[in-house]
Structure formats: C-alpha cells, structure tokens
Amino acid sequence: MGAIVNLRQFRKQKQRQDKSAKADVNRAKFGQSKLDKKLTETEKARCDQTLDSARLERDED
C-alpha cells in the first residue's frame, strides 16, 4: 500500500517548484550585466553588418 500524502502540502510543494523553475528562466533571460548586454549587442551588430555586406543584389531592369 502507498504512503499517505497530504494533498494541500503536495500542491504547495508543486507551486514552489514551478515558481523556482520560472525564476531560473527569468534569471537567465534578464540577469545579464550591462557589460554582457553591450557585448551581445555589439556582436549582433557585427554579424548583421557582415551579412549585409555579403548580400548579392539583383538589378531590376
């Protein structure tokens, strides 16, 4: 026979786990320092510039 489980405590524990998982996602998403944000922005701009400079354009005659 299985162990007796208090459903109220089980629900609270589940909510805490869900909240913790969401907090981990938000830390990864919004927890960058100013330097990291600037570095990421600079890297993206450099990649965009490289891509734009290599683009072949067609002449519309």
PDB file of N, CA and C in Angstrom:
ATOM      1  N   MET A   1       0.836  -1.176   0.000  1.00  0.00           N
ATOM      2  CA  MET A   1       0.000   0.000   0.000  1.00  0.00           C
ATOM      3  C   MET A   1       0.883   1.242   0.000  1.00  0.00           C
ATOM      4  N   GLY A   2       0.437   2.296  -0.678  1.00  0.00           N
ATOM      5  CA  GLY A   2       1.222   3.517  -0.814  1.00  0.00           C
ATOM      6  C   GLY A   2       1.218   4.372   0.437  1.00  0.00           C
ATOM      7  N   ALA A   3       2.148   5.300   0.458  1.00  0.00           N
ATOM      8  CA  ALA A   3       2.242   6.219   1.588  1.00  0.00           C
ATOM      9  C   ALA A   3       1.113   7.244   1.514  1.00  0.00           C
ATOM     10  N   ILE A   4       0.670   7.692   2.678  1.00  0.00           N
ATOM     11  CA  ILE A   4      -0.386   8.702   2.745  1.00  0.00           C
ATOM     12  C   ILE A   4       0.239  10.063   2.451  1.00  0.00           C
ATOM     13  N   VAL A   5      -0.444  10.815   1.560  1.00  0.00           N
ATOM     14  CA  VAL A   5       0.085  12.115   1.132  1.00  0.00           C
ATOM     15  C   VAL A   5      -0.945  13.184   1.450  1.00  0.00           C
ATOM     16  N   ASN A   6      -0.493  14.271   2.067  1.00  0.00           N
ATOM     17  CA  ASN A   6      -1.357  15.406   2.326  1.00  0.00           C
ATOM     18  C   ASN A   6      -1.417  16.229   1.037  1.00  0.00           C
ATOM     19  N   LEU A   7      -2.582  16.309   0.412  1.00  0.00           N
ATOM     20  CA  LEU A   7      -2.717  16.962  -0.887  1.00  0.00           C
ATOM     21  C   LEU A   7      -2.431  18.456  -0.823  1.00  0.00           C
ATOM     22  N   ARG A   8      -2.789  19.102   0.281  1.00  0.00           N
ATOM     23  CA  ARG A   8      -2.525  20.530   0.426  1.00  0.00           C
ATOM     24  C   ARG A   8      -1.020  20.790   0.407  1.00  0.00           C
ATOM     25  N   GLN A   9      -0.267  20.000   1.144  1.00  0.00           N
ATOM     26  CA  GLN A   9       1.182  20.156   1.159  1.00  0.00           C
ATOM     27  C   GLN A   9       1.785  19.805  -0.199  1.00  0.00           C
ATOM     28  N   PHE A  10       1.246  18.803  -0.845  1.00  0.00           N
ATOM     29  CA  PHE A  10       1.735  18.401  -2.160  1.00  0.00           C
ATOM     30  C   PHE A  10       1.537  19.526  -3.169  1.00  0.00           C
ATOM     31  N   ARG A  11       0.362  20.182  -3.137  1.00  0.00           N
ATOM     32  CA  ARG A  11       0.099  21.299  -4.051  1.00  0.00           C
ATOM     33  C   ARG A  11       1.033  22.468  -3.789  1.00  0.00           C
ATOM     34  N   LYS A  12       1.254  22.784  -2.511  1.00  0.00           N
ATOM     35  CA  LYS A  12       2.159  23.881  -2.178  1.00  0.00           C
ATOM     36  C   LYS A  12       3.580  23.582  -2.644  1.00  0.00           C
ATOM     37  N   GLN A  13       4.008  22.350  -2.473  1.00  0.00           N
ATOM     38  CA  GLN A  13       5.347  21.953  -2.912  1.00  0.00           C
ATOM     39  C   GLN A  13       5.455  22.071  -4.433  1.00  0.00           C
ATOM     40  N   LYS A  14       4.432  21.653  -5.142  1.00  0.00           N
ATOM     41  CA  LYS A  14       4.417  21.742  -6.603  1.00  0.00           C
ATOM     42  C   LYS A  14       4.472  23.206  -7.052  1.00  0.00           C
ATOM     43  N   GLN A  15       3.720  24.081  -6.369  1.00  0.00           N
ATOM     44  CA  GLN A  15       3.744  25.503  -6.708  1.00  0.00           C
ATOM     45  C   GLN A  15       5.125  26.094  -6.485  1.00  0.00           C
ATOM     46  N   ARG A  16       5.779  25.718  -5.395  1.00  0.00           N
ATOM     47  CA  ARG A  16       7.128  26.211  -5.120  1.00  0.00           C
ATOM     48  C   ARG A  16       8.099  25.768  -6.208  1.00  0.00           C
ATOM     49  N   GLN A  17       7.993  24.535  -6.650  1.00  0.00           N
ATOM     50  CA  GLN A  17       8.873  24.021  -7.698  1.00  0.00           C
ATOM     51  C   GLN A  17       8.635  24.761  -9.010  1.00  0.00           C
ATOM     52  N   ASP A  18       7.371  24.997  -9.350  1.00  0.00           N
ATOM     53  CA  ASP A  18       7.049  25.733 -10.577  1.00  0.00           C
ATOM     54  C   ASP A  18       7.579  27.168 -10.512  1.00  0.00           C
ATOM     55  N   LYS A  19       7.401  27.802  -9.346  1.00  0.00           N
ATOM     56  CA  LYS A  19       7.878  29.165  -9.178  1.00  0.00           C
ATOM     57  C   LYS A  19       9.396  29.225  -9.272  1.00  0.00           C
ATOM     58  N   SER A  20      10.060  28.240  -8.724  1.00  0.00           N
ATOM     59  CA  SER A  20      11.519  28.174  -8.779  1.00  0.00           C
ATOM     60  C   SER A  20      12.006  27.980 -10.215  1.00  0.00           C
ATOM     61  N   ALA A  21      11.336  27.131 -10.971  1.00  0.00           N
ATOM     62  CA  ALA A  21      11.714  26.896 -12.362  1.00  0.00           C
ATOM     63  C   ALA A  21      11.536  28.175 -13.188  1.00  0.00           C
ATOM     64  N   LYS A  22      10.446  28.887 -12.951  1.00  0.00           N
ATOM     65  CA  LYS A  22      10.200  30.136 -13.668  1.00  0.00           C
ATOM     66  C   LYS A  22      11.247  31.179 -13.297  1.00  0.00           C
ATOM     67  N   ALA A  23      11.642  31.219 -12.030  1.00  0.00           N
ATOM     68  CA  ALA A  23      12.670  32.166 -11.585  1.00  0.00           C
ATOM     69  C   ALA A  23      14.002  31.862 -12.258  1.00  0.00           C
ATOM     70  N   ASP A  24      14.336  30.596 -12.428  1.00  0.00           N
ATOM     71  CA  ASP A  24      15.573  30.220 -13.110  1.00  0.00           C
ATOM     72  C   ASP A  24      15.579  30.722 -14.554  1.00  0.00           C
ATOM     73  N   VAL A  25      14.450  30.572 -15.220  1.00  0.00           N
ATOM     74  CA  VAL A  25      14.334  31.041 -16.602  1.00  0.00           C
ATOM     75  C   VAL A  25      14.500  32.561 -16.661  1.00  0.00           C
ATOM     76  N   ASN A  26      13.857  33.268 -15.738  1.00  0.00           N
ATOM     77  CA  ASN A  26      13.955  34.730 -15.724  1.00  0.00           C
ATOM     78  C   ASN A  26      15.362  35.197 -15.382  1.00  0.00           C
ATOM     79  N   ARG A  27      16.061  34.473 -14.505  1.00  0.00           N
ATOM     80  CA  ARG A  27      17.432  34.845 -14.186  1.00  0.00           C
ATOM     81  C   ARG A  27      18.313  34.742 -15.424  1.00  0.00           C
ATOM     82  N   ALA A  28      18.100  33.709 -16.195  1.00  0.00           N
ATOM     83  CA  ALA A  28      18.888  33.537 -17.413  1.00  0.00           C
ATOM     84  C   ALA A  28      18.526  34.599 -18.450  1.00  0.00           C
ATOM     85  N   LYS A  29      17.262  34.962 -18.489  1.00  0.00           N
ATOM     86  CA  LYS A  29      16.779  35.891 -19.502  1.00  0.00           C
ATOM     87  C   LYS A  29      17.124  37.343 -19.175  1.00  0.00           C
ATOM     88  N   PHE A  30      16.947  37.741 -17.926  1.00  0.00           N
ATOM     89  CA  PHE A  30      17.096  39.142 -17.549  1.00  0.00           C
ATOM     90  C   PHE A  30      18.301  39.409 -16.650  1.00  0.00           C
ATOM     91  N   GLY A  31      19.046  38.398 -16.298  1.00  0.00           N
ATOM     92  CA  GLY A  31      20.113  38.552 -15.327  1.00  0.00           C
ATOM     93  C   GLY A  31      21.465  38.885 -15.911  1.00  0.00           C
ATOM     94  N   GLN A  32      21.502  39.505 -17.062  1.00  0.00           N
ATOM     95  CA  GLN A  32      22.778  39.854 -17.670  1.00  0.00           C
ATOM     96  C   GLN A  32      23.261  41.199 -17.133  1.00  0.00           C
ATOM     97  N   SER A  33      24.559  41.323 -16.971  1.00  0.00           N
ATOM     98  CA  SER A  33      25.121  42.599 -16.558  1.00  0.00           C
ATOM     99  C   SER A  33      25.099  43.557 -17.747  1.00  0.00           C
ATOM    100  N   LYS A  34      25.360  44.813 -17.458  1.00  0.00           N
ATOM    101  CA  LYS A  34      25.357  45.825 -18.511  1.00  0.00           C
ATOM    102  C   LYS A  34      26.435  45.522 -19.556  1.00  0.00           C
ATOM    103  N   LEU A  35      27.584  45.061 -19.083  1.00  0.00           N
ATOM    104  CA  LEU A  35      28.677  44.718 -19.988  1.00  0.00           C
ATOM    105  C   LEU A  35      28.287  43.556 -20.907  1.00  0.00           C
ATOM    106  N   ASP A  36      27.634  42.539 -20.346  1.00  0.00           N
ATOM    107  CA  ASP A  36      27.200  41.401 -21.160  1.00  0.00           C
ATOM    108  C   ASP A  36      26.183  41.822 -22.210  1.00  0.00           C
ATOM    109  N   LYS A  37      25.267  42.695 -21.817  1.00  0.00           N
ATOM    110  CA  LYS A  37      24.267  43.182 -22.777  1.00  0.00           C
ATOM    111  C   LYS A  37      24.932  43.947 -23.916  1.00  0.00           C
ATOM    112  N   LYS A  38      25.890  44.807 -23.558  1.00  0.00           N
ATOM    113  CA  LYS A  38      26.597  45.600 -24.561  1.00  0.00           C
ATOM    114  C   LYS A  38      27.396  44.698 -25.496  1.00  0.00           C
ATOM    115  N   LEU A  39      28.054  43.687 -24.927  1.00  0.00           N
ATOM    116  CA  LEU A  39      28.828  42.744 -25.724  1.00  0.00           C
ATOM    117  C   LEU A  39      27.934  41.973 -26.693  1.00  0.00           C
ATOM    118  N   THR A  40      26.793  41.518 -26.219  1.00  0.00           N
ATOM    119  CA  THR A  40      25.843  40.795 -27.063  1.00  0.00           C
ATOM    120  C   THR A  40      25.316  41.697 -28.180  1.00  0.00           C
ATOM    121  N   GLU A  41      25.008  42.939 -27.831  1.00  0.00           N
ATOM    122  CA  GLU A  41      24.505  43.884 -28.831  1.00  0.00           C
ATOM    123  C   GLU A  41      25.560  44.177 -29.894  1.00  0.00           C
ATOM    124  N   THR A  42      26.800  44.342 -29.471  1.00  0.00           N
ATOM    125  CA  THR A  42      27.894  44.609 -30.401  1.00  0.00           C
ATOM    126  C   THR A  42      28.129  43.417 -31.327  1.00  0.00           C
ATOM    127  N   GLU A  43      28.094  42.229 -30.764  1.00  0.00           N
ATOM    128  CA  GLU A  43      28.280  41.001 -31.557  1.00  0.00           C
ATOM    129  C   GLU A  43      27.171  40.860 -32.597  1.00  0.00           C
ATOM    130  N   LYS A  44      25.929  41.154 -32.197  1.00  0.00           N
ATOM    131  CA  LYS A  44      24.798  41.066 -33.124  1.00  0.00           C
ATOM    132  C   LYS A  44      24.945  42.093 -34.244  1.00  0.00           C
ATOM    133  N   ALA A  45      25.348  43.304 -33.902  1.00  0.00           N
ATOM    134  CA  ALA A  45      25.540  44.354 -34.908  1.00  0.00           C
ATOM    135  C   ALA A  45      26.636  43.954 -35.894  1.00  0.00           C
ATOM    136  N   ARG A  46      27.713  43.369 -35.393  1.00  0.00           N
ATOM    137  CA  ARG A  46      28.811  42.937 -36.265  1.00  0.00           C
ATOM    138  C   ARG A  46      28.348  41.836 -37.212  1.00  0.00           C
ATOM    139  N   CYS A  47      27.584  40.888 -36.696  1.00  0.00           N
ATOM    140  CA  CYS A  47      27.064  39.808 -37.549  1.00  0.00           C
ATOM    141  C   CYS A  47      26.105  40.350 -38.605  1.00  0.00           C
ATOM    142  N   ASP A  48      25.249  41.288 -38.210  1.00  0.00           N
ATOM    143  CA  ASP A  48      24.323  41.896 -39.167  1.00  0.00           C
ATOM    144  C   ASP A  48      25.085  42.646 -40.260  1.00  0.00           C
ATOM    145  N   GLN A  49      26.121  43.377 -39.872  1.00  0.00           N
ATOM    146  CA  GLN A  49      26.920  44.127 -40.848  1.00  0.00           C
ATOM    147  C   GLN A  49      27.610  43.177 -41.822  1.00  0.00           C
ATOM    148  N   THR A  50      28.162  42.079 -41.319  1.00  0.00           N
ATOM    149  CA  THR A  50      28.829  41.095 -42.172  1.00  0.00           C
ATOM    150  C   THR A  50      27.840  40.478 -43.156  1.00  0.00           C
ATOM    151  N   LEU A  51      26.669  40.161 -42.663  1.00  0.00           N
ATOM    152  CA  LEU A  51      25.643  39.565 -43.511  1.00  0.00           C
ATOM    153  C   LEU A  51      25.184  40.551 -44.588  1.00  0.00           C
ATOM    154  N   ASP A  52      24.972  41.808 -44.206  1.00  0.00           N
ATOM    155  CA  ASP A  52      24.526  42.817 -45.167  1.00  0.00           C
ATOM    156  C   ASP A  52      25.590  43.109 -46.221  1.00  0.00           C
ATOM    157  N   SER A  53      26.847  43.083 -45.823  1.00  0.00           N
ATOM    158  CA  SER A  53      27.898  43.383 -46.783  1.00  0.00           C
ATOM    159  C   SER A  53      28.102  42.233 -47.781  1.00  0.00           C
ATOM    160  N   ALA A  54      27.703  41.034 -47.437  1.00  0.00           N
ATOM    161  CA  ALA A  54      27.864  39.889 -48.321  1.00  0.00           C
ATOM    162  C   ALA A  54      26.618  39.645 -49.182  1.00  0.00           C
ATOM    163  N   ARG A  55      25.608  40.468 -49.020  1.00  0.00           N
ATOM    164  CA  ARG A  55      24.358  40.277 -49.761  1.00  0.00           C
ATOM    165  C   ARG A  55      24.551  40.600 -51.229  1.00  0.00           C
ATOM    166  N   LEU A  56      24.022  39.762 -52.074  1.00  0.00           N
ATOM    167  CA  LEU A  56      24.050  39.995 -53.506  1.00  0.00           C
ATOM    168  C   LEU A  56      22.724  40.645 -53.905  1.00  0.00           C
ATOM    169  N   GLU A  57      22.818  41.726 -54.633  1.00  0.00           N
ATOM    170  CA  GLU A  57      21.591  42.441 -55.019  1.00  0.00           C
ATOM    171  C   GLU A  57      21.365  42.264 -56.514  1.00  0.00           C
ATOM    172  N   ARG A  58      20.123  42.113 -56.874  1.00  0.00           N
ATOM    173  CA  ARG A  58      19.778  41.969 -58.280  1.00  0.00           C
ATOM    174  C   ARG A  58      19.402  43.334 -58.852  1.00  0.00           C
ATOM    175  N   ASP A  59      19.811  43.577 -60.077  1.00  0.00           N
ATOM    176  CA  ASP A  59      19.438  44.779 -60.768  1.00  0.00           C
ATOM    177  C   ASP A  59      18.050  44.580 -61.370  1.00  0.00           C
ATOM    178  N   GLU A  60      17.149  45.488 -61.085  1.00  0.00           N
ATOM    179  CA  GLU A  60      15.804  45.377 -61.629  1.00  0.00           C
ATOM    180  C   GLU A  60      15.736  46.182 -62.912  1.00  0.00           C
ATOM    181  N   ASP A  61      15.901  45.520 -64.045  1.00  0.00           N
ATOM    182  CA  ASP A  61      15.905  46.188 -65.355  1.00  0.00           C
ATOM    183  C   ASP A  61      14.554  46.156 -65.984  1.00  0.00           C
TER     184      ASP A  61
END
